[in-house]
Amino acid sequence: MPELHTILLLAAAGLFAGTQNALAGGGSFITFPALLLAGLNPVAANMTSTVAMFPSQTTSAVAGRKFAEGVSGLSFAQLFTISIVGGIFGAILLWITPPTFFARLVPWLVLFATAMFAWGAFRRQPIHAASSMPKPVLAVIQFCISIYGGYFGGGIGFLMLAALTIAGQQIRAATATKNMLAMAMNASATLIFAFSGMISWAAALALCAGGIAGGLLGSWLIYRLPPQLMRIFVVLVGAVLTVYMFLR
C-alpha cells in the first residue's frame, strides 16, 4: 500500500494527465514516470497506467462515437474487432515479457512514442480526405498498431490518425474513430492486466480519480488554454524522460 504522500502525488499526476488528454493527448507521459517514481517496475507501471486511465478514456471516446465510421472497405465493426484482437495480443506479450527485458526496452519505446507524438502534434492536419489504401493493408496496419497499443501504447492516437486519414477519412471522423479504436484495444488490455496480479490498485484508483477530474478540467480549459502549449510540454516531458531512461 503506497504512503499517503505517494497517493496524493499520483492523484495529482492523474489530474494533469486527464487534463492533458482532453487538451492535446499524451497523458501516459505523465502517469508512466509517476508510477515509476512510486516504486513500480516498468511492466507493472505500464499495466497500472493503462487500467487507471481507461475510464476517462472511455468517456471521451463514447462522447464522440456518432462520428466514428469505417474506411477503405473496412466497416467500423471490423476495425473495432481488429483493435480488440490486437490489444489482446499486445497485452499478453507484455504480461510474458520479463521486467528486466522490458526495462531495457522502455527507453526505445519512450523515444518512439515521443517522436510519434511530436510528428502527430505538429504536422499539418488534412482537412479533407486525400487518398485511400487497400483494405488488407489498412487491416494489417491497424492490427500492428493495436498490438503496440496493448503492449505500450504511447503515440497510438497519432499512428491511427495518420493511417485513417491516409486511408481516406476526414479529420473529424478519423479523430472519433481512433478514439473508439483506442478504447477497444485498451479495454482488452485492461481486462487482461486486471488478472495479472501486477496492478497496484491503490495507485490505479488514485490515478483514475485524478484522471476523471482532469478530464472535466480539460473540457473547461479547452477553449481557454492553447493546446499547442500543452503539446510542447508533452514533447519536452517525453524528451527528458527518454534521456533519463537511457541514463538510469
Protein backbone atom coordinates (compact mmCIF):
# COMPACT_ATOMS: atom_id res chain seq x y z
CA MET A 1 0.00 0.00 0.00
CA PRO A 2 1.59 3.30 -1.08
CA GLU A 3 2.02 6.00 1.54
CA LEU A 4 -0.38 8.95 1.66
CA HIS A 5 2.02 11.40 0.03
CA THR A 6 2.55 8.93 -2.83
CA ILE A 7 -1.21 8.57 -3.30
CA LEU A 8 -1.57 12.36 -3.42
CA LEU A 9 1.28 12.61 -5.93
CA LEU A 10 -0.36 10.00 -8.15
CA ALA A 11 -3.74 11.73 -7.91
CA ALA A 12 -2.07 14.97 -8.99
CA ALA A 13 -0.38 13.12 -11.87
CA GLY A 14 -3.76 11.68 -12.88
CA LEU A 15 -5.31 15.16 -12.74
CA PHE A 16 -2.62 16.53 -15.04
CA ALA A 17 -2.76 13.51 -17.36
CA GLY A 18 -6.55 13.71 -17.65
CA THR A 19 -6.33 17.41 -18.46
CA GLN A 20 -3.53 16.74 -20.92
CA ASN A 21 -5.51 14.02 -22.70
CA ALA A 22 -8.53 16.30 -23.06
CA LEU A 23 -6.44 19.13 -24.49
CA ALA A 24 -3.73 17.53 -26.59
CA GLY A 25 -3.17 13.85 -25.73
CA GLY A 26 -0.06 12.25 -24.27
CA GLY A 27 -1.24 11.70 -20.69
CA SER A 28 0.76 8.47 -20.43
CA PHE A 29 3.92 10.60 -20.50
CA ILE A 30 2.81 11.81 -17.05
CA THR A 31 1.31 8.67 -15.50
CA PHE A 32 4.07 6.24 -16.50
CA PRO A 33 7.01 8.13 -14.91
CA ALA A 34 4.84 8.96 -11.88
CA LEU A 35 4.28 5.25 -11.29
CA LEU A 36 7.99 4.54 -11.74
CA LEU A 37 8.72 7.18 -9.09
CA ALA A 38 6.15 5.48 -6.86
CA GLY A 39 8.32 2.37 -6.92
CA LEU A 40 6.62 0.16 -9.53
CA ASN A 41 8.71 -1.80 -12.01
CA PRO A 42 8.25 -0.76 -15.67
CA VAL A 43 5.86 -3.60 -16.56
CA ALA A 44 3.64 -3.00 -13.52
CA ALA A 45 3.75 0.76 -14.12
CA ASN A 46 2.66 0.35 -17.74
CA MET A 47 -0.17 -2.02 -16.79
CA THR A 48 -1.36 0.16 -13.92
CA SER A 49 -1.31 3.27 -16.10
CA THR A 50 -3.44 1.56 -18.77
CA VAL A 51 -6.01 0.33 -16.24
CA ALA A 52 -6.15 3.64 -14.35
CA MET A 53 -6.74 5.88 -17.36
CA PHE A 54 -9.22 3.57 -19.11
CA PRO A 55 -12.41 5.05 -17.53
CA SER A 56 -11.65 8.65 -18.54
CA GLN A 57 -10.54 7.46 -21.99
CA THR A 58 -13.82 5.57 -22.42
CA THR A 59 -15.85 8.65 -21.52
CA SER A 60 -14.21 10.80 -24.19
CA ALA A 61 -14.40 8.02 -26.81
CA VAL A 62 -18.10 7.30 -26.26
CA ALA A 63 -18.90 11.03 -26.33
CA GLY A 64 -17.82 11.23 -29.98
CA ARG A 65 -18.90 7.77 -31.10
CA LYS A 66 -21.52 9.03 -33.59
CA PHE A 67 -18.75 10.36 -35.86
CA ALA A 68 -16.82 7.06 -35.95
CA GLU A 69 -17.01 5.16 -39.23
CA GLY A 70 -15.27 2.63 -41.44
CA VAL A 71 -12.91 3.37 -44.33
CA SER A 72 -11.19 1.65 -47.29
CA GLY A 73 -13.73 -1.16 -47.41
CA LEU A 74 -13.39 -1.96 -43.70
CA SER A 75 -16.50 -1.34 -41.62
CA PHE A 76 -16.19 0.30 -38.22
CA ALA A 77 -17.18 -3.03 -36.63
CA GLN A 78 -14.30 -4.75 -38.44
CA LEU A 79 -11.81 -2.07 -37.33
CA PHE A 80 -13.15 -2.36 -33.78
CA THR A 81 -12.74 -6.16 -33.80
CA ILE A 82 -9.20 -5.91 -35.20
CA SER A 83 -8.33 -3.46 -32.41
CA ILE A 84 -9.68 -5.75 -29.69
CA VAL A 85 -7.78 -8.78 -31.00
CA GLY A 86 -4.56 -6.80 -31.45
CA GLY A 87 -4.91 -5.32 -27.98
CA ILE A 88 -5.22 -8.83 -26.54
CA PHE A 89 -2.05 -9.96 -28.32
CA GLY A 90 -0.14 -6.90 -27.12
CA ALA A 91 -1.34 -7.26 -23.54
CA ILE A 92 -0.38 -10.95 -23.40
CA LEU A 93 3.00 -10.10 -24.91
CA LEU A 94 3.58 -7.52 -22.17
CA TRP A 95 2.43 -9.95 -19.48
CA ILE A 96 5.00 -12.58 -20.52
CA THR A 97 7.81 -10.06 -21.01
CA PRO A 98 10.36 -10.24 -18.15
CA PRO A 99 10.51 -6.91 -16.26
CA THR A 100 14.29 -6.73 -16.75
CA PHE A 101 13.94 -7.03 -20.54
CA PHE A 102 11.08 -4.54 -20.62
CA ALA A 103 13.15 -2.10 -18.54
CA ARG A 104 15.85 -2.21 -21.25
CA LEU A 105 13.22 -1.77 -23.95
CA VAL A 106 11.39 1.16 -22.30
CA PRO A 107 13.85 3.92 -23.36
CA TRP A 108 13.38 2.94 -27.01
CA LEU A 109 9.59 2.73 -26.61
CA VAL A 110 9.51 6.17 -24.97
CA LEU A 111 11.75 7.57 -27.71
CA PHE A 112 9.45 6.14 -30.38
CA ALA A 113 6.33 7.39 -28.61
CA THR A 114 7.83 10.87 -28.19
CA ALA A 115 8.79 11.01 -31.86
CA MET A 116 5.29 9.89 -32.90
CA PHE A 117 3.66 12.45 -30.60
CA ALA A 118 5.87 15.26 -31.89
CA TRP A 119 5.23 14.28 -35.51
CA GLY A 120 1.48 13.98 -34.99
CA ALA A 121 1.12 17.09 -32.84
CA PHE A 122 2.92 19.47 -35.16
CA ARG A 123 2.31 18.04 -38.63
CA ARG A 124 -0.20 19.79 -40.85
CA GLN A 125 -3.55 18.10 -40.40
CA PRO A 126 -5.52 17.24 -43.55
CA ILE A 127 -8.91 18.92 -43.81
CA HIS A 128 -10.41 16.65 -46.46
CA ALA A 129 -9.94 13.02 -47.38
CA ALA A 130 -6.91 12.82 -49.63
CA SER A 131 -6.34 9.21 -50.66
CA SER A 132 -7.09 5.60 -49.84
CA MET A 133 -5.30 2.33 -49.28
CA PRO A 134 -6.18 -1.31 -49.99
CA LYS A 135 -8.40 -2.99 -47.42
CA PRO A 136 -5.85 -5.68 -46.42
CA VAL A 137 -3.11 -3.06 -45.94
CA LEU A 138 -5.22 -0.98 -43.56
CA ALA A 139 -6.24 -4.15 -41.68
CA VAL A 140 -2.61 -5.16 -41.18
CA ILE A 141 -1.56 -1.64 -40.17
CA GLN A 142 -4.39 -1.37 -37.63
CA PHE A 143 -3.60 -4.82 -36.24
CA CYS A 144 0.08 -3.88 -35.74
CA ILE A 145 -0.88 -0.58 -34.10
CA SER A 146 -3.28 -2.47 -31.82
CA ILE A 147 -0.57 -4.91 -30.73
CA TYR A 148 1.69 -1.97 -29.93
CA GLY A 149 -1.23 -0.30 -28.14
CA GLY A 150 -1.80 -3.30 -25.88
CA TYR A 151 1.93 -3.62 -25.25
CA PHE A 152 2.89 0.00 -24.55
CA GLY A 153 0.53 2.45 -26.23
CA GLY A 154 2.46 5.70 -26.38
CA GLY A 155 1.69 7.53 -29.63
CA ILE A 156 -1.08 5.16 -30.83
CA GLY A 157 -3.50 8.03 -31.33
CA PHE A 158 -1.25 9.74 -33.84
CA LEU A 159 -0.36 6.46 -35.57
CA MET A 160 -4.05 5.70 -36.08
CA LEU A 161 -4.88 9.26 -37.07
CA ALA A 162 -2.21 9.11 -39.77
CA ALA A 163 -3.36 5.69 -41.03
CA LEU A 164 -7.06 6.62 -41.10
CA THR A 165 -6.57 9.95 -42.86
CA ILE A 166 -4.25 8.37 -45.45
CA ALA A 167 -6.90 5.68 -45.94
CA GLY A 168 -9.40 8.40 -46.81
CA GLN A 169 -11.22 9.54 -43.67
CA GLN A 170 -11.81 13.20 -43.00
CA ILE A 171 -10.16 14.52 -39.85
CA ARG A 172 -13.29 14.70 -37.66
CA ALA A 173 -14.29 11.14 -38.46
CA ALA A 174 -10.69 9.95 -38.08
CA THR A 175 -10.42 11.55 -34.63
CA ALA A 176 -13.65 9.95 -33.41
CA THR A 177 -12.75 6.59 -34.96
CA LYS A 178 -9.24 6.46 -33.45
CA ASN A 179 -10.68 7.32 -30.01
CA MET A 180 -13.11 4.39 -30.23
CA LEU A 181 -10.42 2.03 -31.55
CA ALA A 182 -8.00 3.08 -28.80
CA MET A 183 -10.74 2.36 -26.27
CA ALA A 184 -11.23 -1.10 -27.83
CA MET A 185 -7.58 -2.13 -27.63
CA ASN A 186 -7.23 -0.72 -24.11
CA ALA A 187 -10.43 -2.46 -22.99
CA SER A 188 -8.98 -5.85 -23.91
CA ALA A 189 -5.63 -4.93 -22.36
CA THR A 190 -7.30 -3.68 -19.17
CA LEU A 191 -9.29 -6.91 -18.81
CA ILE A 192 -6.12 -9.00 -19.11
CA PHE A 193 -4.00 -6.74 -16.90
CA ALA A 194 -6.66 -6.80 -14.17
CA PHE A 195 -5.95 -10.53 -13.65
CA SER A 196 -2.17 -10.27 -13.99
CA GLY A 197 -1.52 -9.77 -10.28
CA MET A 198 0.81 -6.88 -11.15
CA ILE A 199 -1.63 -3.96 -10.79
CA SER A 200 -1.13 -1.58 -7.86
CA TRP A 201 -4.83 -0.96 -7.24
CA ALA A 202 -4.31 1.87 -4.75
CA ALA A 203 -2.15 3.68 -7.28
CA ALA A 204 -4.63 2.91 -10.07
CA LEU A 205 -7.55 4.32 -8.07
CA ALA A 206 -5.60 7.49 -7.26
CA LEU A 207 -4.68 7.98 -10.92
CA CYS A 208 -8.23 7.16 -12.03
CA ALA A 209 -9.82 9.70 -9.68
CA GLY A 210 -7.35 12.36 -10.76
CA GLY A 211 -7.83 11.43 -14.42
CA ILE A 212 -11.61 11.82 -14.27
CA ALA A 213 -11.26 15.21 -12.58
CA GLY A 214 -8.62 16.18 -15.12
CA GLY A 215 -10.91 15.24 -18.00
CA LEU A 216 -13.56 17.59 -16.64
CA LEU A 217 -10.96 20.32 -16.08
CA GLY A 218 -9.61 19.82 -19.59
CA SER A 219 -13.09 20.19 -21.04
CA TRP A 220 -13.35 23.55 -19.26
CA LEU A 221 -9.85 24.66 -20.29
CA ILE A 222 -10.08 23.56 -23.91
CA TYR A 223 -11.34 26.97 -25.00
CA ARG A 224 -9.14 28.87 -22.56
CA LEU A 225 -5.67 27.34 -22.92
CA PRO A 226 -3.75 26.98 -26.19
CA PRO A 227 -3.39 23.22 -26.90
CA GLN A 228 -0.11 23.97 -28.69
CA LEU A 229 1.46 24.86 -25.34
CA MET A 230 0.35 21.53 -23.91
CA ARG A 231 1.76 19.68 -26.92
CA ILE A 232 5.11 21.40 -26.49
CA PHE A 233 5.09 20.46 -22.81
CA VAL A 234 4.39 16.80 -23.62
CA VAL A 235 7.26 16.66 -26.13
CA LEU A 236 9.60 18.21 -23.55
CA VAL A 237 8.49 15.70 -20.90
CA GLY A 238 8.96 12.85 -23.37
CA ALA A 239 12.43 14.07 -24.33
CA VAL A 240 13.53 14.42 -20.69
CA LEU A 241 12.02 11.01 -19.85
CA THR A 242 13.81 9.41 -22.81
CA VAL A 243 17.19 10.80 -21.72
CA TYR A 244 16.54 9.75 -18.12
CA MET A 245 15.59 6.20 -19.18
CA PHE A 246 18.74 5.80 -21.27
CA LEU A 247 20.96 7.09 -18.45
CA ARG A 248 19.40 5.31 -15.45
